Every structure is written in C-alpha cells, then in structure tokens.
Amino acid sequence: VQLQASGGGLVQAGDSLRLSCVASEHTFSGYDVVWFRQAPGKEREFVSGISASVFRVTTKYPDSVKGRFTISRDNARTTVYLHMNRLKPEDTAVYYCAAKQNSEIGAISVSPGSYDIWGQGTQVTVSS
C-alpha cells in the first residue's frame, strides 16, 4: 500500500481545512490510519487516528485537537480525511498520514514507530 497526502495550505486562524490521504489498494479497509504532524524543531506529534473497518470503527484524538479535528474514512475511495476546524497558529506543521495493518481491534497506536507505511507530508500554515 502507498499513501498520498494532500490538502494543506495557508489559512487564517479560525479557518478550516480538509486533508486527504489516498491509498493505492482496496485492502486499505483493513489498515489503521493515523495523522501525525511535525513543526520545525519539534518531535512528530499524533493528531488523530481511525481504526480499520474490521468491526466497529474507532477514532482517537489528543486533547490538543479534540473537538476541532475529525477523522473519517471512505473505504470505497480508499481515502481517509482529516477535517480541521477552528485552526490555530499552533496547528502549523507538516502533516503526515501513516498506516499499518490492524493487529488489535479497537486499539490505535500513537507512536510513529508503530506505522510502516507513510505518505509524503502536506504543509499546513495558520496565520494569526
């Protein structure tokens, strides 16, 4: 599976963006998919995750984006979306999507080392 991330851009604080992560294969439905971000000089940070469509789909968010960001998946389009609302300057970073085959139902790892498939980054810049 290969991933292609897109949708970044330059926006003002309070605006919204939708990032897309498109997979190359329809077996994608069996993969957990996450978004990380990395700002200059900082470590890669978990932003959101969605479990594989094995049983009930679960999602996970850190407190920093909870209530503002929503992750969803469209398996027919082999795409995972990250809807980002009420963006803040501190959301500025390169955003990466990553995936791994589901290994534990309902569990979404927040560690970058857990994921073996990565898309290229897409830059999100939020001006104040």
Protein backbone atom coordinates (compact mmCIF):
# COMPACT_ATOMS: atom_id res chain seq x y z
CA VAL A 1 0.00 0.00 0.00
CA GLN A 2 1.19 3.51 -0.82
CA LEU A 3 -0.27 6.70 0.62
CA GLN A 4 -0.70 10.12 -0.95
CA ALA A 5 -1.48 13.05 1.33
CA SER A 6 -2.86 16.36 0.11
CA GLY A 7 -4.99 19.32 1.11
CA GLY A 8 -2.60 21.51 3.04
CA GLY A 9 -2.35 25.22 2.55
CA LEU A 10 -2.09 28.67 4.06
CA VAL A 11 -5.12 29.77 6.06
CA GLN A 12 -6.02 32.26 8.75
CA ALA A 13 -6.74 31.43 12.37
CA GLY A 14 -10.30 30.17 12.72
CA ASP A 15 -10.45 28.78 9.20
CA SER A 16 -10.94 25.15 8.19
CA LEU A 17 -9.06 22.71 6.02
CA ARG A 18 -9.61 19.14 4.90
CA LEU A 19 -6.64 16.88 4.41
CA SER A 20 -6.91 13.71 2.34
CA CYS A 21 -4.86 10.54 2.47
CA VAL A 22 -5.45 8.30 -0.54
CA ALA A 23 -4.27 4.69 -0.54
CA SER A 24 -3.25 2.73 -3.59
CA GLU A 25 -5.08 -0.51 -2.73
CA HIS A 26 -8.56 -1.50 -1.67
CA THR A 27 -7.16 -3.71 1.11
CA PHE A 28 -6.84 -0.31 2.83
CA SER A 29 -10.02 -1.05 4.78
CA GLY A 30 -8.01 -3.46 6.92
CA TYR A 31 -5.49 -0.79 7.96
CA ASP A 32 -5.42 1.54 10.93
CA VAL A 33 -4.71 5.05 9.61
CA VAL A 34 -3.37 7.98 11.55
CA TRP A 35 -2.24 11.55 11.06
CA PHE A 36 0.88 12.96 12.65
CA ARG A 37 2.28 16.44 12.40
CA GLN A 38 5.72 17.88 12.83
CA ALA A 39 6.56 21.52 13.38
CA PRO A 40 10.13 22.82 12.91
CA GLY A 41 12.34 21.80 15.81
CA LYS A 42 9.67 19.62 17.38
CA GLU A 43 9.00 15.92 17.56
CA ARG A 44 6.39 14.24 15.42
CA GLU A 45 3.03 14.53 17.20
CA PHE A 46 0.00 12.26 16.97
CA VAL A 47 -3.01 14.20 15.68
CA SER A 48 -5.74 11.64 15.04
CA GLY A 49 -6.34 8.02 14.21
CA ILE A 50 -9.05 5.77 12.85
CA SER A 51 -9.15 2.03 13.17
CA ALA A 52 -9.52 -0.49 10.40
CA SER A 53 -13.03 -1.33 9.27
CA VAL A 54 -12.85 -4.79 10.81
CA PHE A 55 -15.59 -4.39 13.36
CA ARG A 56 -16.78 -1.12 14.87
CA VAL A 57 -14.58 1.74 13.67
CA THR A 58 -13.00 3.72 16.47
CA THR A 59 -11.23 7.08 16.46
CA LYS A 60 -8.70 8.72 18.72
CA TYR A 61 -7.58 12.31 19.28
CA PRO A 62 -5.21 14.09 21.62
CA ASP A 63 -6.64 16.84 23.81
CA SER A 64 -4.93 19.49 21.67
CA VAL A 65 -7.28 18.86 18.73
CA LYS A 66 -10.28 17.15 20.31
CA GLY A 67 -13.49 18.93 19.32
CA ARG A 68 -11.78 20.71 16.41
CA PHE A 69 -10.46 17.87 14.24
CA THR A 70 -12.44 14.94 12.87
CA ILE A 71 -11.02 11.92 11.11
CA SER A 72 -13.13 9.80 8.79
CA ARG A 73 -12.63 7.16 6.16
CA ASP A 74 -14.26 6.29 2.86
CA ASN A 75 -13.12 2.78 2.00
CA ALA A 76 -14.79 2.86 -1.40
CA ARG A 77 -12.47 5.74 -2.27
CA THR A 78 -9.58 4.28 -0.23
CA THR A 79 -9.35 7.67 1.42
CA VAL A 80 -9.03 8.93 4.97
CA TYR A 81 -9.92 12.55 5.65
CA LEU A 82 -8.86 14.90 8.40
CA HIS A 83 -11.33 17.73 8.81
CA MET A 84 -9.68 20.56 10.72
CA ASN A 85 -11.85 23.34 12.09
CA ARG A 86 -11.07 26.45 14.14
CA LEU A 87 -7.44 26.24 13.17
CA LYS A 88 -4.87 27.92 15.38
CA PRO A 89 -1.34 29.17 14.62
CA GLU A 90 -0.01 26.34 16.79
CA ASP A 91 -1.51 23.87 14.31
CA THR A 92 1.10 24.96 11.79
CA ALA A 93 3.17 21.93 10.79
CA VAL A 94 3.80 19.37 8.11
CA TYR A 95 1.05 16.77 8.34
CA TYR A 96 1.73 13.13 7.53
CA CYS A 97 -0.65 10.22 7.17
CA ALA A 98 0.53 6.75 8.11
CA ALA A 99 -0.96 3.28 8.17
CA LYS A 100 -0.46 -0.25 9.41
CA GLN A 101 -2.42 -3.44 9.17
CA ASN A 102 -4.83 -3.76 12.05
CA SER A 103 -3.46 -6.02 14.76
CA GLU A 104 -5.60 -5.25 17.79
CA ILE A 105 -9.27 -4.42 17.43
CA GLY A 106 -10.10 -1.01 18.88
CA ALA A 107 -6.51 -0.04 19.68
CA ILE A 108 -4.88 2.87 17.83
CA SER A 109 -1.21 3.41 18.49
CA VAL A 110 0.01 7.00 18.95
CA SER A 111 3.64 6.04 18.38
CA PRO A 112 5.14 6.86 14.96
CA GLY A 113 7.29 3.75 15.24
CA SER A 114 4.20 1.55 15.05
CA TYR A 115 3.50 2.56 11.46
CA ASP A 116 5.34 1.17 8.50
CA ILE A 117 3.55 2.96 5.66
CA TRP A 118 3.86 6.72 5.33
CA GLY A 119 2.64 9.30 2.89
CA GLN A 120 4.60 12.39 1.97
CA GLY A 121 3.84 15.41 4.13
CA THR A 122 1.50 18.25 3.35
CA GLN A 123 2.19 21.69 4.80
CA VAL A 124 -0.44 23.43 6.88
CA THR A 125 0.27 27.04 7.81
CA VAL A 126 -2.11 29.00 10.00
CA SER A 127 -1.54 32.74 10.25
CA SER A 128 -2.71 34.77 13.21
